Amino acid sequence: MSWRVRPASGPAGPAPRPGFDEVVLTHLDAAYSLARWLVRDPHLAEDVVQEAVLRGLNYQESFRGEDGRAWLLRIVRNTAYTMLAARRRAEGAGGEALDGEAVANLPDPAAGPEAALARQDDAARLEKALAALPVELRECLVLRELEELSYKEIAGVTGVPIGTVMSRLWRARRALIAGAPIAGERTADEP
């Protein structure tokens, strides 16, 4: 099945649809970043992105020519939640806290030992603060601050109104500044 656009035969017509490589492959870094922040496991994040790309291939007909990045990230988000739920079911009712320590321990070849230690501490604190956020707040924050999506794009990815996106961003930023999760919110890995 080809997704390539045939050349337009007339002077006026709908804009050509981008190819699958333009829609998906150009946004793989963003897809991995979102997956890693949602599942907090680099290996599982790779699996999530791989599964999301496969789903994208299978459901490429659902792409209507809108923002390809938002379309892919929506698939990644849904895939991540599906895989997290499957993991929880496999591990039993208690679930397991995902290990984000490997991310904090990534070596930095450019920095000296003190700078590397300070950077590692900062990364660990940020990782811990983000992990403490409820997942619906964390995903909005990652999509906005790391992936630089607009509020409208985030609303499209998460399936909530723009006002809810804004509210979640405000609450996430407030929680990060306070250094603690917001009371009464769901736990960090509940979708």
C-alpha atoms as a PDB file:
ATOM      1  CA  MET A   1       0.000   0.000   0.000  1.00  0.00           C
ATOM      2  CA  SER A   2       1.454   3.309  -1.042  1.00  0.00           C
ATOM      3  CA  TRP A   3       0.820   6.570   0.737  1.00  0.00           C
ATOM      4  CA  ARG A   4       2.631   8.731  -1.713  1.00  0.00           C
ATOM      5  CA  VAL A   5       0.768  11.544  -3.369  1.00  0.00           C
ATOM      6  CA  ARG A   6       0.354  11.522  -7.067  1.00  0.00           C
ATOM      7  CA  PRO A   7       1.172  14.758  -8.847  1.00  0.00           C
ATOM      8  CA  ALA A   8      -1.783  17.083  -9.220  1.00  0.00           C
ATOM      9  CA  SER A   9      -3.365  16.920 -12.653  1.00  0.00           C
ATOM     10  CA  GLY A  10      -5.008  20.338 -12.581  1.00  0.00           C
ATOM     11  CA  PRO A  11      -4.037  23.812 -11.505  1.00  0.00           C
ATOM     12  CA  ALA A  12      -6.339  23.879  -8.488  1.00  0.00           C
ATOM     13  CA  GLY A  13      -7.041  21.100  -6.059  1.00  0.00           C
ATOM     14  CA  PRO A  14      -6.518  19.981  -2.534  1.00  0.00           C
ATOM     15  CA  ALA A  15      -3.061  20.253  -1.083  1.00  0.00           C
ATOM     16  CA  PRO A  16      -1.097  17.042  -1.471  1.00  0.00           C
ATOM     17  CA  ARG A  17      -0.984  14.760   1.549  1.00  0.00           C
ATOM     18  CA  PRO A  18       2.471  14.192   2.939  1.00  0.00           C
ATOM     19  CA  GLY A  19       4.026  10.759   2.767  1.00  0.00           C
ATOM     20  CA  PHE A  20       4.285   8.463   5.749  1.00  0.00           C
ATOM     21  CA  ASP A  21       7.959   9.262   6.147  1.00  0.00           C
ATOM     22  CA  GLU A  22       7.164  12.969   6.417  1.00  0.00           C
ATOM     23  CA  VAL A  23       4.361  12.398   8.893  1.00  0.00           C
ATOM     24  CA  VAL A  24       5.997   9.814  11.129  1.00  0.00           C
ATOM     25  CA  LEU A  25       9.706   9.378  10.559  1.00  0.00           C
ATOM     26  CA  THR A  26      10.534  13.057  10.933  1.00  0.00           C
ATOM     27  CA  HIS A  27       8.961  13.069  14.409  1.00  0.00           C
ATOM     28  CA  LEU A  28      10.513   9.939  15.881  1.00  0.00           C
ATOM     29  CA  ASP A  29      12.624  11.903  18.377  1.00  0.00           C
ATOM     30  CA  ALA A  30       9.538  13.666  19.702  1.00  0.00           C
ATOM     31  CA  ALA A  31       7.711  10.346  19.826  1.00  0.00           C
ATOM     32  CA  TYR A  32      10.505   8.733  21.838  1.00  0.00           C
ATOM     33  CA  SER A  33      10.752  11.705  24.172  1.00  0.00           C
ATOM     34  CA  LEU A  34       7.038  11.625  24.942  1.00  0.00           C
ATOM     35  CA  ALA A  35       7.061   7.859  25.368  1.00  0.00           C
ATOM     36  CA  ARG A  36      10.049   7.992  27.709  1.00  0.00           C
ATOM     37  CA  TRP A  37       8.408  10.628  29.884  1.00  0.00           C
ATOM     38  CA  LEU A  38       5.138   8.750  30.011  1.00  0.00           C
ATOM     39  CA  VAL A  39       6.475   5.266  30.720  1.00  0.00           C
ATOM     40  CA  ARG A  40       9.721   6.330  32.449  1.00  0.00           C
ATOM     41  CA  ASP A  41      11.608   3.348  31.064  1.00  0.00           C
ATOM     42  CA  PRO A  42      13.907   3.832  28.064  1.00  0.00           C
ATOM     43  CA  HIS A  43      13.508   0.265  26.818  1.00  0.00           C
ATOM     44  CA  LEU A  44       9.732   0.308  27.143  1.00  0.00           C
ATOM     45  CA  ALA A  45       9.714   3.718  25.447  1.00  0.00           C
ATOM     46  CA  GLU A  46      11.475   2.200  22.442  1.00  0.00           C
ATOM     47  CA  ASP A  47       8.839  -0.534  22.347  1.00  0.00           C
ATOM     48  CA  VAL A  48       6.095   2.082  22.585  1.00  0.00           C
ATOM     49  CA  VAL A  49       7.494   4.047  19.653  1.00  0.00           C
ATOM     50  CA  GLN A  50       7.924   0.907  17.570  1.00  0.00           C
ATOM     51  CA  GLU A  51       4.347  -0.160  18.290  1.00  0.00           C
ATOM     52  CA  ALA A  52       3.079   3.359  17.604  1.00  0.00           C
ATOM     53  CA  VAL A  53       4.807   3.458  14.229  1.00  0.00           C
ATOM     54  CA  LEU A  54       3.290   0.095  13.354  1.00  0.00           C
ATOM     55  CA  ARG A  55      -0.129   1.367  14.388  1.00  0.00           C
ATOM     56  CA  GLY A  56       0.497   4.471  12.309  1.00  0.00           C
ATOM     57  CA  LEU A  57       1.219   2.291   9.307  1.00  0.00           C
ATOM     58  CA  ASN A  58      -1.898   0.210   9.906  1.00  0.00           C
ATOM     59  CA  TYR A  59      -4.146   3.223  10.437  1.00  0.00           C
ATOM     60  CA  GLN A  60      -2.528   5.695   8.068  1.00  0.00           C
ATOM     61  CA  GLU A  61      -5.863   6.129   6.336  1.00  0.00           C
ATOM     62  CA  SER A  62      -7.145   7.884   9.482  1.00  0.00           C
ATOM     63  CA  PHE A  63      -4.606  10.646   8.928  1.00  0.00           C
ATOM     64  CA  ARG A  64      -6.548  13.542   7.433  1.00  0.00           C
ATOM     65  CA  GLY A  65      -3.600  15.742   6.543  1.00  0.00           C
ATOM     66  CA  GLU A  66      -3.610  17.726   9.779  1.00  0.00           C
ATOM     67  CA  ASP A  67      -0.501  18.124  11.907  1.00  0.00           C
ATOM     68  CA  GLY A  68       1.437  14.899  11.505  1.00  0.00           C
ATOM     69  CA  ARG A  69       3.391  15.421  14.695  1.00  0.00           C
ATOM     70  CA  ALA A  70       0.244  15.742  16.783  1.00  0.00           C
ATOM     71  CA  TRP A  71      -1.242  12.701  15.035  1.00  0.00           C
ATOM     72  CA  LEU A  72       1.811  10.576  15.797  1.00  0.00           C
ATOM     73  CA  LEU A  73       2.080  11.799  19.387  1.00  0.00           C
ATOM     74  CA  ARG A  74      -1.575  10.930  19.964  1.00  0.00           C
ATOM     75  CA  ILE A  75      -0.820   7.379  18.795  1.00  0.00           C
ATOM     76  CA  VAL A  76       2.279   7.260  21.018  1.00  0.00           C
ATOM     77  CA  ARG A  77       0.251   8.460  24.012  1.00  0.00           C
ATOM     78  CA  ASN A  78      -2.450   5.854  23.494  1.00  0.00           C
ATOM     79  CA  THR A  79       0.125   3.122  22.915  1.00  0.00           C
ATOM     80  CA  ALA A  80       2.050   4.097  26.045  1.00  0.00           C
ATOM     81  CA  TYR A  81      -1.060   3.899  28.204  1.00  0.00           C
ATOM     82  CA  THR A  82      -2.031   0.589  26.668  1.00  0.00           C
ATOM     83  CA  MET A  83       1.416  -0.878  27.307  1.00  0.00           C
ATOM     84  CA  LEU A  84       1.530   0.500  30.868  1.00  0.00           C
ATOM     85  CA  ALA A  85      -1.860  -1.047  31.587  1.00  0.00           C
ATOM     86  CA  ALA A  86      -0.703  -4.363  30.150  1.00  0.00           C
ATOM     87  CA  ARG A  87       2.442  -4.222  32.255  1.00  0.00           C
ATOM     88  CA  ARG A  88       0.427  -3.511  35.399  1.00  0.00           C
ATOM     89  CA  ARG A  89      -1.904  -6.394  34.663  1.00  0.00           C
ATOM     90  CA  ALA A  90       1.058  -8.700  34.111  1.00  0.00           C
ATOM     91  CA  GLU A  91       2.718  -7.645  37.338  1.00  0.00           C
ATOM     92  CA  GLY A  92      -0.387  -7.923  39.466  1.00  0.00           C
ATOM     93  CA  ALA A  93      -2.498  -5.401  41.292  1.00  0.00           C
ATOM     94  CA  GLY A  94       0.353  -3.680  43.115  1.00  0.00           C
ATOM     95  CA  GLY A  95       2.187  -2.672  39.991  1.00  0.00           C
ATOM     96  CA  GLU A  96       5.820  -1.781  39.893  1.00  0.00           C
ATOM     97  CA  ALA A  97       7.355   1.647  39.969  1.00  0.00           C
ATOM     98  CA  LEU A  98       9.139   2.141  36.690  1.00  0.00           C
ATOM     99  CA  ASP A  99      12.866   2.604  36.953  1.00  0.00           C
ATOM    100  CA  GLY A 100      13.943   6.032  35.758  1.00  0.00           C
ATOM    101  CA  GLU A 101      17.357   5.763  37.362  1.00  0.00           C
ATOM    102  CA  ALA A 102      18.972   4.601  34.136  1.00  0.00           C
ATOM    103  CA  VAL A 103      18.018   7.902  32.515  1.00  0.00           C
ATOM    104  CA  ALA A 104      19.555   9.898  35.374  1.00  0.00           C
ATOM    105  CA  ASN A 105      22.766   7.883  35.103  1.00  0.00           C
ATOM    106  CA  LEU A 106      23.455   8.559  31.451  1.00  0.00           C
ATOM    107  CA  PRO A 107      27.094   9.569  31.061  1.00  0.00           C
ATOM    108  CA  ASP A 108      27.952  13.068  29.891  1.00  0.00           C
ATOM    109  CA  PRO A 109      31.284  12.911  28.040  1.00  0.00           C
ATOM    110  CA  ALA A 110      31.617  16.697  27.699  1.00  0.00           C
ATOM    111  CA  ALA A 111      31.489  17.661  31.366  1.00  0.00           C
ATOM    112  CA  GLY A 112      34.015  17.217  34.183  1.00  0.00           C
ATOM    113  CA  PRO A 113      33.233  15.104  37.239  1.00  0.00           C
ATOM    114  CA  GLU A 114      31.843  17.973  39.340  1.00  0.00           C
ATOM    115  CA  ALA A 115      29.760  19.337  36.515  1.00  0.00           C
ATOM    116  CA  ALA A 116      28.593  15.850  35.668  1.00  0.00           C
ATOM    117  CA  LEU A 117      27.604  15.246  39.283  1.00  0.00           C
ATOM    118  CA  ALA A 118      25.725  18.541  39.496  1.00  0.00           C
ATOM    119  CA  ARG A 119      24.030  17.796  36.214  1.00  0.00           C
ATOM    120  CA  GLN A 120      23.142  14.316  37.375  1.00  0.00           C
ATOM    121  CA  ASP A 121      21.671  15.703  40.588  1.00  0.00           C
ATOM    122  CA  ASP A 122      19.647  18.251  38.649  1.00  0.00           C
ATOM    123  CA  ALA A 123      18.424  15.609  36.235  1.00  0.00           C
ATOM    124  CA  ALA A 124      17.504  13.310  39.107  1.00  0.00           C
ATOM    125  CA  ARG A 125      15.580  16.070  40.882  1.00  0.00           C
ATOM    126  CA  LEU A 126      13.769  16.994  37.682  1.00  0.00           C
ATOM    127  CA  GLU A 127      13.032  13.349  36.945  1.00  0.00           C
ATOM    128  CA  LYS A 128      11.726  12.863  40.483  1.00  0.00           C
ATOM    129  CA  ALA A 129       9.606  16.011  40.342  1.00  0.00           C
ATOM    130  CA  LEU A 130       8.146  15.043  36.965  1.00  0.00           C
ATOM    131  CA  ALA A 131       7.559  11.478  38.102  1.00  0.00           C
ATOM    132  CA  ALA A 132       5.655  12.743  41.132  1.00  0.00           C
ATOM    133  CA  LEU A 133       3.203  14.585  38.906  1.00  0.00           C
ATOM    134  CA  PRO A 134      -0.027  12.851  37.975  1.00  0.00           C
ATOM    135  CA  VAL A 135       0.344  11.473  34.482  1.00  0.00           C
ATOM    136  CA  GLU A 136      -2.249  13.796  32.934  1.00  0.00           C
ATOM    137  CA  LEU A 137      -0.270  16.797  34.205  1.00  0.00           C
ATOM    138  CA  ARG A 138       3.074  15.298  33.216  1.00  0.00           C
ATOM    139  CA  GLU A 139       2.004  14.554  29.662  1.00  0.00           C
ATOM    140  CA  CYS A 140       0.769  18.116  29.142  1.00  0.00           C
ATOM    141  CA  LEU A 141       3.990  19.544  30.557  1.00  0.00           C
ATOM    142  CA  VAL A 142       6.182  17.299  28.413  1.00  0.00           C
ATOM    143  CA  LEU A 143       4.201  18.073  25.282  1.00  0.00           C
ATOM    144  CA  ARG A 144       4.364  21.814  25.935  1.00  0.00           C
ATOM    145  CA  GLU A 145       7.824  22.355  27.395  1.00  0.00           C
ATOM    146  CA  LEU A 146       9.853  19.608  25.760  1.00  0.00           C
ATOM    147  CA  GLU A 147       8.002  19.035  22.511  1.00  0.00           C
ATOM    148  CA  GLU A 148       6.922  22.669  22.181  1.00  0.00           C
ATOM    149  CA  LEU A 149       3.424  21.818  20.998  1.00  0.00           C
ATOM    150  CA  SER A 150       0.781  24.510  21.027  1.00  0.00           C
ATOM    151  CA  TYR A 151      -2.174  24.294  23.393  1.00  0.00           C
ATOM    152  CA  LYS A 152      -4.359  23.326  20.451  1.00  0.00           C
ATOM    153  CA  GLU A 153      -1.968  20.549  19.442  1.00  0.00           C
ATOM    154  CA  ILE A 154      -1.818  19.253  23.016  1.00  0.00           C
ATOM    155  CA  ALA A 155      -5.603  19.264  23.143  1.00  0.00           C
ATOM    156  CA  GLY A 156      -5.610  17.221  19.947  1.00  0.00           C
ATOM    157  CA  VAL A 157      -3.086  14.733  21.313  1.00  0.00           C
ATOM    158  CA  THR A 158      -4.712  14.281  24.713  1.00  0.00           C
ATOM    159  CA  GLY A 159      -8.327  14.585  23.610  1.00  0.00           C
ATOM    160  CA  VAL A 160      -9.254  17.254  26.158  1.00  0.00           C
ATOM    161  CA  PRO A 161     -10.402  20.880  25.645  1.00  0.00           C
ATOM    162  CA  ILE A 162      -7.810  23.653  25.424  1.00  0.00           C
ATOM    163  CA  GLY A 163      -9.006  25.069  28.736  1.00  0.00           C
ATOM    164  CA  THR A 164      -8.239  21.752  30.409  1.00  0.00           C
ATOM    165  CA  VAL A 165      -4.783  21.749  28.838  1.00  0.00           C
ATOM    166  CA  MET A 166      -4.142  25.229  30.216  1.00  0.00           C
ATOM    167  CA  SER A 167      -5.393  24.215  33.638  1.00  0.00           C
ATOM    168  CA  ARG A 168      -3.238  21.098  33.675  1.00  0.00           C
ATOM    169  CA  LEU A 169      -0.172  23.080  32.640  1.00  0.00           C
ATOM    170  CA  TRP A 170      -0.794  25.610  35.380  1.00  0.00           C
ATOM    171  CA  ARG A 171      -1.222  22.885  37.986  1.00  0.00           C
ATOM    172  CA  ALA A 172       1.876  21.016  36.756  1.00  0.00           C
ATOM    173  CA  ARG A 173       4.027  24.136  36.892  1.00  0.00           C
ATOM    174  CA  ARG A 174       2.666  25.017  40.302  1.00  0.00           C
ATOM    175  CA  ALA A 175       3.429  21.509  41.574  1.00  0.00           C
ATOM    176  CA  LEU A 176       6.978  21.648  40.195  1.00  0.00           C
ATOM    177  CA  ILE A 177       7.583  25.010  41.824  1.00  0.00           C
ATOM    178  CA  ALA A 178       6.201  23.730  45.109  1.00  0.00           C
ATOM    179  CA  GLY A 179       8.232  20.552  44.732  1.00  0.00           C
ATOM    180  CA  ALA A 180       5.348  18.288  45.592  1.00  0.00           C
ATOM    181  CA  PRO A 181       2.425  16.706  43.787  1.00  0.00           C
ATOM    182  CA  ILE A 182      -0.981  18.269  44.103  1.00  0.00           C
ATOM    183  CA  ALA A 183      -3.051  16.669  46.842  1.00  0.00           C
ATOM    184  CA  GLY A 184      -6.022  14.663  45.671  1.00  0.00           C
ATOM    185  CA  GLU A 185      -4.558  13.913  42.249  1.00  0.00           C
ATOM    186  CA  ARG A 186      -4.180  10.422  40.920  1.00  0.00           C
ATOM    187  CA  THR A 187      -0.868   8.659  41.294  1.00  0.00           C
ATOM    188  CA  ALA A 188       1.939   9.364  38.852  1.00  0.00           C
ATOM    189  CA  ASP A 189       1.385   6.449  36.480  1.00  0.00           C
ATOM    190  CA  GLU A 190      -2.384   6.291  36.322  1.00  0.00           C
ATOM    191  CA  PRO A 191      -3.730   7.449  32.973  1.00  0.00           C
END
